[in-house]
Each structure stands twice: as structure tokens, then as C-alpha cells.
Amino acid sequence: MPVYSSHLAADYRTLGVGIRIQQERRAKGFTLRRLSRQVQISPAQLSNIENGKAKLNVAQLARIAGALGQSVASLLPRSDEYPYLIARREQIAAERPRPILPVGAERQASRSHNFSSPLAERFIGKHMVPVLAEIHPLADENLQLIGHHREEFLFALRGDVETLIKTNTGFVTAQLHPGDCMYLRSYLPHCHRSMTSEPAQILSVSYSMRRPIDPEDDEFGEADGPSFYRRSYRADVPKEIAEKIALLRRSSRRTLEDLARSVGIGSRQLAAVERGTKALELDLLLRLAREFKRPVDYFLTETSEAGPSHTVVDRTGVANTPGRSRKLPRAGHVYRPLASGFADRGLHPYYLQMKGTQDGFDQHAGQEFLYVLDGEVELSVQLRDRVVGDVLKPGDALFLDASAPHRLRGRSQNPYAEASAELIAVFWSPTGEQALFD
């Protein structure tokens, strides 16, 4: 579950291709004029390429590599892998928030009234998607209900937010103020809106059932903004499955003919399945599940699940929640659970108060997402041959493959502070929550 160093390059110049060409040319004893003649690039242009003043195209790079007796890959920096990704507050603020793009069969607006800024977009293989969401006001007559698989944790950072959730028994409403948090079944149609004329801001972490979410994923894809697609609640299992098949096909931008050909049926048959007018054979459901890379119970779970639609913990409740401690060497960190009232959840969110010093390295199955609220956090990660690290400040976010040995230390310049740093910490673990504290 890596982050590739080449994806973190700021721009073309940081690749250092020109200087590598210059080094190889000199090592071979080639003059600028000799190499330029062999690769059919003017000496002036080649000089600019070596000095980083001009950009190469792939064809030019291939010719230069051939003339120097090198592979094309050898002239590019080796793409190292890192088990963590940091999103800086300044970087997040500089990037324009992306619209949330609804996808579905029903008549709808081309985009939601809310916007999001991804916090771990370049991390490959993540099981949760963290974003900062900009929540705008919305009138009742313009209500937009969206949904996505499967669960979502929200923490209110700024402003006041109202959430409306459509369940099989009607609408339920919850309100969040700064410091409040919510855990909800996000496949239910829901709407977040600001309660005032000013936009609010929330930290949102969505969870996908059992499988990692890559940037091009059709349901959580972040290239142009996340696509959230459900519009209704189906108490009827066949209709629920039919709707999911249709929405998955549309969100992956596949035609009826293309998908039908892939699963071995006629396009008219598939259209009838999507409309719910033709009974869906289990064998066909298996083929569709393989085609969409989903477990079969993905198509069944949401209709059959019981339990509350959401749970809310206000800031007073957070402060009064008994803390838990993890068995780390000489670490006094306090973890206050933020969703203990939501049973059988996929994410485990905590309000983390760093107290004391963690001397040893932590390591466990799963992934961690951290958002710094106050203080500073010193991160150290053990790679194969070295320890790398960084410092996170308020507003910074960290996504981490927790199987890599790592250490987190709080830093504060206030000697009277009860905690050196305070964070929102969200864990995903394939072995369950209890394994994090054993």
C-alpha cells in the first residue's frame, strides 16, 4: 500500500532528467554537439534540456537514451515507495475544492452544492477516503440526497451543519456544531447542509466494504471530485440489486452493450435486469460481481442491514468519554472513542490526546488517518534501510500504512499543557478494533 515518490514530484523540474542526461553524456565523453547530431535536437535545445529550461517529450527521451546506451528508465529517478502520505494545511488551502459529482438514474443536478478537498488522493490501496468538505446552505425545495458505500465518519471543524438521512421509516435529522461528530450508514440517501448563510467545514472519512479504494475507483474516484450515487431506499431486495447494477455501470462509464458482452448476455436482457423487470439469476450476479470487482454480498448487505442509521457524539460527550490506552513503550496517549454507539462499524475514530513520550515503534495491521487539531506531532517511520520522519502541525493530515513500524510523539512549547498534541485519529483494521489495544 505505497505512495510513489514520483507522484509527489512538484513538477517536471524536480525529476532531474536534464542533469542525468548531462552526467551520462559527459561520462561517455560526448560533446553537446555530437549528442545533438545523433538525436536530431539542436545544440541550443539540448543545452536547455540539460539545464532544465526546456521540457523533453517521450520520443526525444528515447532517442537520447539510445544514443547514450542507456535504458529510458535509467534516466528517470527511481520511484521509491513510502508507507505514508502527508497533506499540509497550506497545500490543501491552495488547491481549489472539487465539486461532488452525483451519478444516478434519477433526474438531478449536475453537481452537489458541497465541495471536497482530498487528503490522501495519491495513497494507493486505501480502505478509507478522508476529505475536508465545504458544506454550503441549501433550501428545502432544492434538497439533494446522495449516498455512497458504506459508512462515514464526520467531525465538525467550523460552522453548524444539519444532516438529513432518509431511512425506510422516513427522514431523521441531526445537527453538528464545532467539536461534534457523527457516524452514519452513508449508503442511505442523505444531505449535509450549512445551518447558516456561511459555509461550514467538516472532516469526513468514508469507508468501503472489504476492498481498497484507488484514485480511479468508480465510486470514490477523486480525479474530478468524488461521485456519490444513491438516490432512494429500496426495501425490495431484487430492486435494490437492480439499482446497484445500473448505477455501477453508469458510474464506470460503460455502455449496456459493453457490459452485456463482458458477462455473456444480450444487451436487452441486461437492460431488463437493470429495470428490475427480469429476474436476476445468481450465476449472472456472480459474473457481474467479478466484473465490478465487488464481493457478492456488496449487492445484498445494505438492504438486509439493521440498526441505527447514525450516532452523534457532541463535544461535551467527547470530553466525558473514558479514554483508552494502547500498550506502547512508555506512551501515555489517551484515545477517546467517537463512535462506540455504532455497532459493527468498519472504521474506528478516536479523539487522541498525546501525553507522555512514545519511545518504541508501533506496528499493527491496517491503516491510520490522523488530522492534527492542536500542537505538533513528530512522525518517524522505519523503512527497510533507514528511518524517515517529518513534523505535522495543526491542519496537517497523515495517511499511514500501519504495518510499517512507526512512532508518533507530541510536541508542545507550553509546559503547562495537559496534552502535547490533540488529533482526530481514524483506524481501519482487518483484525478489528480490539486488536489495536491488545
Protein backbone atom coordinates (compact mmCIF):
# COMPACT_ATOMS: atom_id res chain seq x y z
CA MET A 1 0.00 0.00 0.00
CA PRO A 2 2.53 2.58 -1.12
CA VAL A 3 2.83 6.18 -2.08
CA TYR A 4 5.17 6.54 -5.07
CA SER A 5 7.80 9.27 -4.82
CA SER A 6 7.31 10.17 -8.50
CA HIS A 7 3.70 11.08 -7.69
CA LEU A 8 4.94 13.55 -5.09
CA ALA A 9 7.16 15.46 -7.53
CA ALA A 10 6.16 19.10 -7.58
CA ASP A 11 6.70 19.49 -11.32
CA TYR A 12 8.87 18.40 -14.26
CA ARG A 13 11.99 20.14 -12.94
CA THR A 14 12.04 18.07 -9.75
CA LEU A 15 12.52 14.90 -11.82
CA GLY A 16 16.09 15.99 -12.63
CA VAL A 17 16.08 14.31 -16.05
CA GLY A 18 18.25 17.01 -17.65
CA ILE A 19 21.10 16.69 -15.16
CA ARG A 20 21.10 12.88 -15.58
CA ILE A 21 21.42 13.30 -19.35
CA GLN A 22 24.28 15.73 -18.86
CA GLN A 23 26.07 13.37 -16.45
CA GLU A 24 25.73 10.39 -18.81
CA ARG A 25 26.82 12.46 -21.82
CA ARG A 26 29.99 13.59 -20.05
CA ALA A 27 30.71 10.10 -18.75
CA LYS A 28 30.56 8.83 -22.34
CA GLY A 29 32.86 11.64 -23.49
CA PHE A 30 30.23 13.08 -25.83
CA THR A 31 30.24 16.77 -26.65
CA LEU A 32 26.94 18.60 -26.69
CA ARG A 33 27.21 18.97 -30.46
CA ARG A 34 27.94 15.27 -31.04
CA LEU A 35 24.93 14.11 -29.00
CA SER A 36 22.65 16.72 -30.54
CA ARG A 37 23.58 15.50 -34.02
CA GLN A 38 22.81 11.87 -33.11
CA VAL A 39 19.42 12.62 -31.55
CA GLN A 40 18.38 15.31 -34.06
CA ILE A 41 17.96 18.06 -31.47
CA SER A 42 19.75 21.39 -31.87
CA PRO A 43 22.69 22.03 -29.51
CA ALA A 44 20.88 25.04 -28.03
CA GLN A 45 17.74 22.99 -27.36
CA LEU A 46 19.76 20.13 -25.87
CA SER A 47 21.61 22.58 -23.61
CA ASN A 48 18.27 23.94 -22.40
CA ILE A 49 17.05 20.40 -21.73
CA GLU A 50 20.13 19.62 -19.65
CA ASN A 51 19.74 22.84 -17.68
CA GLY A 52 16.04 22.25 -17.04
CA LYS A 53 14.96 25.22 -19.16
CA ALA A 54 13.19 23.08 -21.77
CA LYS A 55 10.99 20.02 -21.39
CA LEU A 56 11.53 16.68 -23.07
CA ASN A 57 8.92 14.59 -24.81
CA VAL A 58 9.00 10.81 -24.67
CA ALA A 59 10.29 10.37 -28.24
CA GLN A 60 13.24 12.71 -27.55
CA LEU A 61 13.99 10.92 -24.27
CA ALA A 62 14.02 7.54 -26.06
CA ARG A 63 16.43 8.82 -28.73
CA ILE A 64 18.78 10.31 -26.14
CA ALA A 65 18.74 7.12 -24.05
CA GLY A 66 19.55 5.04 -27.15
CA ALA A 67 22.43 7.32 -28.17
CA LEU A 68 23.90 7.11 -24.65
CA GLY A 69 23.45 3.34 -24.47
CA GLN A 70 21.06 3.62 -21.53
CA SER A 71 17.52 2.47 -20.87
CA VAL A 72 14.86 5.15 -20.76
CA ALA A 73 14.05 4.23 -17.14
CA SER A 74 17.66 4.81 -16.07
CA LEU A 75 17.38 8.49 -16.99
CA LEU A 76 14.35 8.93 -14.74
CA PRO A 77 14.54 8.93 -10.93
CA ARG A 78 13.80 5.60 -9.29
CA SER A 79 10.27 5.64 -7.90
CA ASP A 80 10.66 4.87 -4.22
CA GLU A 81 7.70 3.68 -2.15
CA TYR A 82 6.64 5.28 1.11
CA PRO A 83 4.06 3.83 3.53
CA TYR A 84 2.67 7.23 4.45
CA LEU A 85 1.37 10.44 2.89
CA ILE A 86 1.18 13.89 4.48
CA ALA A 87 -1.24 16.59 3.31
CA ARG A 88 -0.15 20.04 4.50
CA ARG A 89 -2.62 22.69 5.56
CA GLU A 90 -1.09 25.21 3.14
CA GLN A 91 -1.24 22.72 0.27
CA ILE A 92 -4.90 21.92 1.00
CA ALA A 93 -5.81 25.61 1.18
CA ALA A 94 -4.01 26.37 -2.12
CA GLU A 95 -5.93 23.76 -4.09
CA ARG A 96 -9.42 24.55 -5.26
CA PRO A 97 -12.09 22.34 -3.60
CA ARG A 98 -13.70 19.92 -6.02
CA PRO A 99 -17.43 19.56 -6.58
CA ILE A 100 -19.13 16.36 -5.53
CA LEU A 101 -20.48 14.80 -8.72
CA PRO A 102 -23.72 12.83 -8.34
CA VAL A 103 -24.22 9.81 -10.59
CA GLY A 104 -27.57 8.07 -10.91
CA ALA A 105 -30.68 7.25 -12.87
CA GLU A 106 -32.99 9.85 -11.40
CA ARG A 107 -33.27 13.48 -12.53
CA GLN A 108 -30.68 15.51 -10.64
CA ALA A 109 -28.38 18.50 -10.58
CA SER A 110 -25.07 18.08 -12.40
CA ARG A 111 -23.22 18.52 -9.13
CA SER A 112 -23.84 18.79 -5.43
CA HIS A 113 -23.95 22.07 -3.52
CA ASN A 114 -20.98 20.87 -1.45
CA PHE A 115 -17.26 20.62 -2.28
CA SER A 116 -14.39 18.48 -1.06
CA SER A 117 -10.59 18.56 -0.81
CA PRO A 118 -8.94 15.09 -0.83
CA LEU A 119 -6.46 14.38 1.96
CA ALA A 120 -4.93 11.10 0.73
CA GLU A 121 -5.56 11.01 -3.01
CA ARG A 122 -2.14 9.64 -4.01
CA PHE A 123 -2.13 6.82 -1.47
CA ILE A 124 -2.73 3.56 -3.35
CA GLY A 125 -4.78 0.80 -1.73
CA LYS A 126 -6.55 2.79 0.96
CA HIS A 127 -9.66 1.36 2.65
CA MET A 128 -10.97 4.75 3.71
CA VAL A 129 -11.24 8.09 1.94
CA PRO A 130 -10.54 11.22 4.03
CA VAL A 131 -11.58 14.65 2.75
CA LEU A 132 -12.16 18.14 4.04
CA ALA A 133 -15.70 19.02 2.98
CA GLU A 134 -17.01 22.52 2.42
CA ILE A 135 -20.70 22.45 3.36
CA HIS A 136 -22.99 25.12 1.89
CA PRO A 137 -26.56 26.12 2.77
CA LEU A 138 -29.40 24.60 0.77
CA ALA A 139 -33.12 25.40 0.74
CA ASP A 140 -35.67 22.64 1.39
CA GLU A 141 -37.06 22.89 -2.14
CA ASN A 142 -33.58 22.20 -3.58
CA LEU A 143 -32.80 19.25 -1.32
CA GLN A 144 -30.21 16.89 -2.84
CA LEU A 145 -29.90 13.37 -1.46
CA ILE A 146 -26.70 11.49 -2.23
CA GLY A 147 -25.17 8.30 -0.92
CA HIS A 148 -22.16 6.03 -1.18
CA HIS A 149 -20.98 2.70 0.11
CA ARG A 150 -20.79 2.04 3.07
CA GLU A 151 -20.16 4.15 6.22
CA GLU A 152 -18.94 7.66 7.00
CA PHE A 153 -17.41 9.43 9.99
CA LEU A 154 -17.85 13.21 10.27
CA PHE A 155 -16.15 15.69 12.59
CA ALA A 156 -17.33 19.31 12.57
CA LEU A 157 -14.45 21.77 12.36
CA ARG A 158 -16.18 25.07 11.61
CA GLY A 159 -19.76 26.30 11.42
CA ASP A 160 -23.01 24.45 12.05
CA VAL A 161 -24.13 21.51 9.90
CA GLU A 162 -27.50 19.81 9.54
CA THR A 163 -27.64 16.27 8.18
CA LEU A 164 -30.87 14.76 6.85
CA ILE A 165 -30.98 10.98 6.37
CA LYS A 166 -33.72 9.14 4.50
CA THR A 167 -34.43 5.76 6.11
CA ASN A 168 -37.11 3.19 5.37
CA THR A 169 -39.25 4.79 8.10
CA GLY A 170 -38.78 8.40 6.98
CA PHE A 171 -36.33 11.26 7.46
CA VAL A 172 -34.15 11.68 10.53
CA THR A 173 -32.20 14.86 11.26
CA ALA A 174 -29.02 15.57 13.20
CA GLN A 175 -27.12 18.77 13.89
CA LEU A 176 -23.38 19.15 14.32
CA HIS A 177 -21.56 22.10 15.88
CA PRO A 178 -17.77 22.54 16.10
CA GLY A 179 -16.30 19.63 18.04
CA ASP A 180 -19.32 17.35 17.47
CA CYS A 181 -19.03 14.16 15.43
CA MET A 182 -21.29 11.67 13.69
CA TYR A 183 -21.04 8.13 12.36
CA LEU A 184 -23.65 7.12 9.76
CA ARG A 185 -24.66 4.48 7.28
CA SER A 186 -23.77 6.55 4.26
CA TYR A 187 -25.45 4.27 1.72
CA LEU A 188 -28.72 5.76 2.97
CA PRO A 189 -29.70 8.85 0.94
CA HIS A 190 -28.55 11.86 2.93
CA CYS A 191 -27.80 15.56 2.67
CA HIS A 192 -25.33 17.75 4.58
CA ARG A 193 -26.09 21.48 4.57
CA SER A 194 -24.91 24.53 6.47
CA MET A 195 -27.39 25.87 9.02
CA THR A 196 -26.29 29.47 8.36
CA SER A 197 -25.60 31.57 5.29
CA GLU A 198 -21.86 30.85 5.65
CA PRO A 199 -20.20 27.59 4.53
CA ALA A 200 -19.27 25.12 7.27
CA GLN A 201 -16.30 22.75 7.22
CA ILE A 202 -16.23 19.10 8.25
CA LEU A 203 -13.64 16.37 8.25
CA SER A 204 -15.15 13.33 6.52
CA VAL A 205 -13.78 9.79 6.33
CA SER A 206 -15.70 7.28 4.19
CA TYR A 207 -15.26 3.53 4.38
CA SER A 208 -15.53 0.99 1.58
CA MET A 209 -16.56 -2.54 2.45
CA ARG A 210 -13.67 -5.01 2.41
CA ARG A 211 -11.69 -3.66 -0.52
CA PRO A 212 -9.17 -0.90 -1.12
CA ILE A 213 -10.15 2.29 -2.91
CA ASP A 214 -7.83 3.54 -5.62
CA PRO A 215 -7.98 7.04 -7.17
CA GLU A 216 -9.74 5.80 -10.31
CA ASP A 217 -12.34 3.81 -8.38
CA ASP A 218 -15.76 4.34 -9.95
CA GLU A 219 -17.50 5.01 -6.64
CA PHE A 220 -14.97 7.07 -4.70
CA GLY A 221 -12.92 8.33 -7.66
CA GLU A 222 -11.24 11.63 -6.81
CA ALA A 223 -9.94 12.82 -10.18
CA ASP A 224 -12.76 15.31 -10.78
CA GLY A 225 -14.43 15.09 -7.39
CA PRO A 226 -15.96 12.08 -5.61
CA SER A 227 -19.00 10.54 -7.29
CA PHE A 228 -21.72 9.64 -4.79
CA TYR A 229 -24.63 7.94 -6.39
CA ARG A 230 -27.61 6.55 -4.48
CA ARG A 231 -30.93 8.34 -4.70
CA SER A 232 -33.51 6.12 -3.00
CA TYR A 233 -34.04 3.43 -0.42
CA ARG A 234 -35.23 0.04 -1.67
CA ALA A 235 -36.86 -2.33 0.82
CA ASP A 236 -37.19 -4.85 -2.04
CA VAL A 237 -34.01 -6.92 -2.49
CA PRO A 238 -34.29 -7.51 -6.29
CA LYS A 239 -34.92 -3.80 -6.91
CA GLU A 240 -32.01 -2.88 -4.65
CA ILE A 241 -29.67 -5.13 -6.63
CA ALA A 242 -31.02 -3.92 -9.98
CA GLU A 243 -30.41 -0.29 -8.98
CA LYS A 244 -26.86 -1.04 -7.89
CA ILE A 245 -26.03 -2.79 -11.16
CA ALA A 246 -27.34 0.15 -13.19
CA LEU A 247 -25.52 2.72 -11.07
CA LEU A 248 -22.24 0.80 -11.08
CA ARG A 249 -22.39 0.56 -14.88
CA ARG A 250 -23.11 4.27 -15.30
CA SER A 251 -20.50 5.41 -12.78
CA SER A 252 -17.87 3.27 -14.53
CA ARG A 253 -18.99 4.85 -17.85
CA ARG A 254 -19.77 1.55 -19.56
CA THR A 255 -22.45 1.03 -22.17
CA LEU A 256 -25.12 -1.64 -21.92
CA GLU A 257 -23.61 -3.37 -24.95
CA ASP A 258 -20.10 -3.42 -23.48
CA LEU A 259 -21.12 -4.80 -20.08
CA ALA A 260 -23.55 -7.31 -21.60
CA ARG A 261 -20.80 -8.63 -23.89
CA SER A 262 -18.41 -8.99 -20.92
CA VAL A 263 -20.85 -11.06 -18.85
CA GLY A 264 -22.16 -13.11 -21.77
CA ILE A 265 -25.76 -11.95 -22.18
CA GLY A 266 -27.68 -9.75 -24.60
CA SER A 267 -27.93 -6.02 -24.08
CA ARG A 268 -31.74 -6.20 -23.98
CA GLN A 269 -31.55 -8.80 -21.23
CA LEU A 270 -29.18 -6.60 -19.22
CA ALA A 271 -31.45 -3.59 -19.70
CA ALA A 272 -34.38 -5.62 -18.33
CA VAL A 273 -32.25 -6.70 -15.35
CA GLU A 274 -31.38 -3.07 -14.60
CA ARG A 275 -35.06 -2.07 -14.81
CA GLY A 276 -35.97 -4.89 -12.45
CA THR A 277 -38.36 -6.45 -14.98
CA LYS A 278 -36.28 -9.61 -15.47
CA ALA A 279 -35.37 -11.98 -12.65
CA LEU A 280 -31.64 -11.94 -11.95
CA GLU A 281 -30.06 -15.37 -11.97
CA LEU A 282 -27.48 -15.94 -9.23
CA ASP A 283 -24.98 -17.11 -11.85
CA LEU A 284 -25.29 -13.74 -13.62
CA LEU A 285 -24.94 -11.91 -10.29
CA LEU A 286 -21.65 -13.77 -9.73
CA ARG A 287 -20.38 -12.71 -13.16
CA LEU A 288 -21.40 -9.09 -12.55
CA ALA A 289 -19.72 -9.11 -9.12
CA ARG A 290 -16.48 -10.30 -10.75
CA GLU A 291 -16.78 -7.70 -13.50
CA PHE A 292 -17.23 -4.84 -10.99
CA LYS A 293 -14.63 -6.34 -8.58
CA ARG A 294 -17.17 -6.42 -5.74
CA PRO A 295 -17.93 -9.18 -3.22
CA VAL A 296 -21.36 -10.71 -3.88
CA ASP A 297 -22.67 -9.54 -0.52
CA TYR A 298 -21.96 -5.95 -1.61
CA PHE A 299 -25.17 -6.23 -3.62
CA LEU A 300 -27.11 -7.63 -0.65
CA THR A 301 -25.78 -6.11 2.57
CA GLU A 302 -27.34 -2.70 2.57
CA THR A 303 -30.94 -3.85 2.21
CA SER A 304 -30.60 -6.52 4.88
CA GLU A 305 -28.68 -4.49 7.47
CA ALA A 306 -30.49 -3.48 10.63
CA GLY A 307 -29.55 -1.00 13.34
CA PRO A 308 -29.46 2.76 13.79
CA SER A 309 -28.87 4.98 10.77
CA HIS A 310 -26.37 7.12 12.70
CA THR A 311 -24.96 8.08 16.04
CA VAL A 312 -23.88 11.55 17.24
CA VAL A 313 -21.43 12.49 20.00
CA ASP A 314 -21.34 16.17 20.98
CA ARG A 315 -18.17 17.86 22.20
CA THR A 316 -19.24 17.54 25.86
CA GLY A 317 -19.75 13.83 25.38
CA VAL A 318 -16.31 13.53 23.81
CA ALA A 319 -14.65 15.22 26.80
CA ASN A 320 -16.53 12.95 29.24
CA THR A 321 -15.89 9.70 27.38
CA PRO A 322 -13.46 7.44 29.28
CA GLY A 323 -10.15 7.19 27.47
CA ARG A 324 -8.32 4.05 26.44
CA SER A 325 -4.57 3.46 26.38
CA ARG A 326 -2.56 1.37 23.97
CA LYS A 327 0.30 -0.86 25.06
CA LEU A 328 3.13 1.14 23.57
CA PRO A 329 6.52 1.55 25.30
CA ARG A 330 6.21 4.41 27.84
CA ALA A 331 3.42 6.13 25.91
CA GLY A 332 0.67 7.90 27.82
CA HIS A 333 -1.55 8.70 24.85
CA VAL A 334 -5.29 8.79 25.62
CA TYR A 335 -7.78 7.57 23.00
CA ARG A 336 -11.40 8.68 23.46
CA PRO A 337 -13.76 6.71 21.16
CA LEU A 338 -16.04 8.79 18.93
CA ALA A 339 -18.41 6.11 17.62
CA SER A 340 -18.80 3.49 20.35
CA GLY A 341 -22.59 3.71 19.97
CA PHE A 342 -22.41 2.40 16.40
CA ALA A 343 -22.04 -1.39 16.46
CA ASP A 344 -20.23 -3.48 13.87
CA ARG A 345 -18.62 -0.49 12.16
CA GLY A 346 -15.75 -0.61 9.69
CA LEU A 347 -13.90 2.49 10.98
CA HIS A 348 -12.69 3.23 14.49
CA PRO A 349 -12.47 7.00 15.10
CA TYR A 350 -10.85 8.48 18.22
CA TYR A 351 -10.05 11.81 19.75
CA LEU A 352 -6.35 11.33 20.55
CA GLN A 353 -4.61 13.30 23.29
CA MET A 354 -0.86 12.77 23.23
CA LYS A 355 0.51 12.62 26.76
CA GLY A 356 3.96 11.35 27.57
CA THR A 357 6.51 10.03 25.08
CA GLN A 358 6.36 7.00 22.83
CA ASP A 359 9.90 5.62 22.71
CA GLY A 360 9.33 2.40 20.81
CA PHE A 361 7.82 1.81 17.38
CA ASP A 362 4.20 0.79 16.88
CA GLN A 363 3.14 -1.72 14.23
CA HIS A 364 -0.24 -3.31 13.53
CA ALA A 365 -2.42 -4.47 10.65
CA GLY A 366 -4.48 -1.88 8.83
CA GLN A 367 -4.32 1.84 8.15
CA GLU A 368 -4.44 5.06 10.17
CA PHE A 369 -5.62 8.54 9.30
CA LEU A 370 -4.63 11.45 11.55
CA TYR A 371 -5.72 15.08 11.48
CA VAL A 372 -3.88 17.47 13.80
CA LEU A 373 -6.14 19.79 15.78
CA ASP A 374 -3.57 21.31 18.12
CA GLY A 375 0.13 21.04 18.95
CA GLU A 376 2.72 19.34 16.76
CA VAL A 377 3.35 15.68 16.02
CA GLU A 378 6.74 14.20 15.25
CA LEU A 379 6.43 11.22 12.89
CA SER A 380 9.13 8.56 12.45
CA VAL A 381 8.71 5.59 10.09
CA GLN A 382 11.08 2.63 9.79
CA LEU A 383 11.80 1.76 6.17
CA ARG A 384 13.95 -1.16 5.06
CA ASP A 385 17.29 0.59 5.40
CA ARG A 386 16.58 3.79 7.32
CA VAL A 387 14.23 5.80 9.49
CA VAL A 388 12.44 8.71 7.84
CA GLY A 389 10.31 11.31 9.52
CA ASP A 390 8.55 14.64 9.48
CA VAL A 391 6.63 17.05 11.71
CA LEU A 392 2.90 17.66 11.42
CA LYS A 393 1.31 20.93 12.52
CA PRO A 394 -2.32 21.97 13.11
CA GLY A 395 -4.39 21.43 9.96
CA ASP A 396 -1.98 18.81 8.55
CA ALA A 397 -3.20 15.28 7.80
CA LEU A 398 -1.41 11.92 7.70
CA PHE A 399 -2.45 8.67 5.98
CA LEU A 400 -0.35 5.70 7.09
CA ASP A 401 0.07 2.02 6.33
CA ALA A 402 0.18 0.93 9.97
CA SER A 403 2.02 -2.32 9.18
CA ALA A 404 5.16 -0.19 8.76
CA PRO A 405 6.89 0.38 12.14
CA HIS A 406 6.07 3.96 13.15
CA ARG A 407 6.34 6.30 16.11
CA LEU A 408 4.27 9.39 16.96
CA ARG A 409 5.43 11.95 19.50
CA GLY A 410 3.56 15.08 20.53
CA ARG A 411 5.40 18.38 20.75
CA SER A 412 4.24 21.50 22.56
CA GLN A 413 6.00 24.66 23.69
CA ASN A 414 3.55 25.04 26.58
CA PRO A 415 4.97 23.31 29.68
CA TYR A 416 1.55 23.56 31.39
CA ALA A 417 -0.38 21.82 28.63
CA GLU A 418 -2.15 18.62 29.68
CA ALA A 419 -1.54 17.19 26.21
CA SER A 420 1.34 17.93 23.87
CA ALA A 421 -0.85 17.40 20.80
CA GLU A 422 -4.51 16.66 20.06
CA LEU A 423 -5.73 14.86 16.97
CA ILE A 424 -8.58 13.07 15.28
CA ALA A 425 -7.36 9.51 14.65
CA VAL A 426 -9.31 7.06 12.47
CA PHE A 427 -8.25 3.42 12.25
CA TRP A 428 -9.17 0.70 9.80
CA SER A 429 -8.05 -2.77 10.83
CA PRO A 430 -8.85 -6.11 9.15
CA THR A 431 -8.49 -7.78 12.56
CA GLY A 432 -10.98 -5.50 14.34
CA GLU A 433 -10.80 -2.71 16.86
CA GLN A 434 -9.81 -4.78 19.88
CA ALA A 435 -6.56 -5.85 18.21
CA LEU A 436 -5.45 -2.20 18.30
CA PHE A 437 -5.45 -2.19 22.09
CA ASP A 438 -4.25 -5.71 22.98
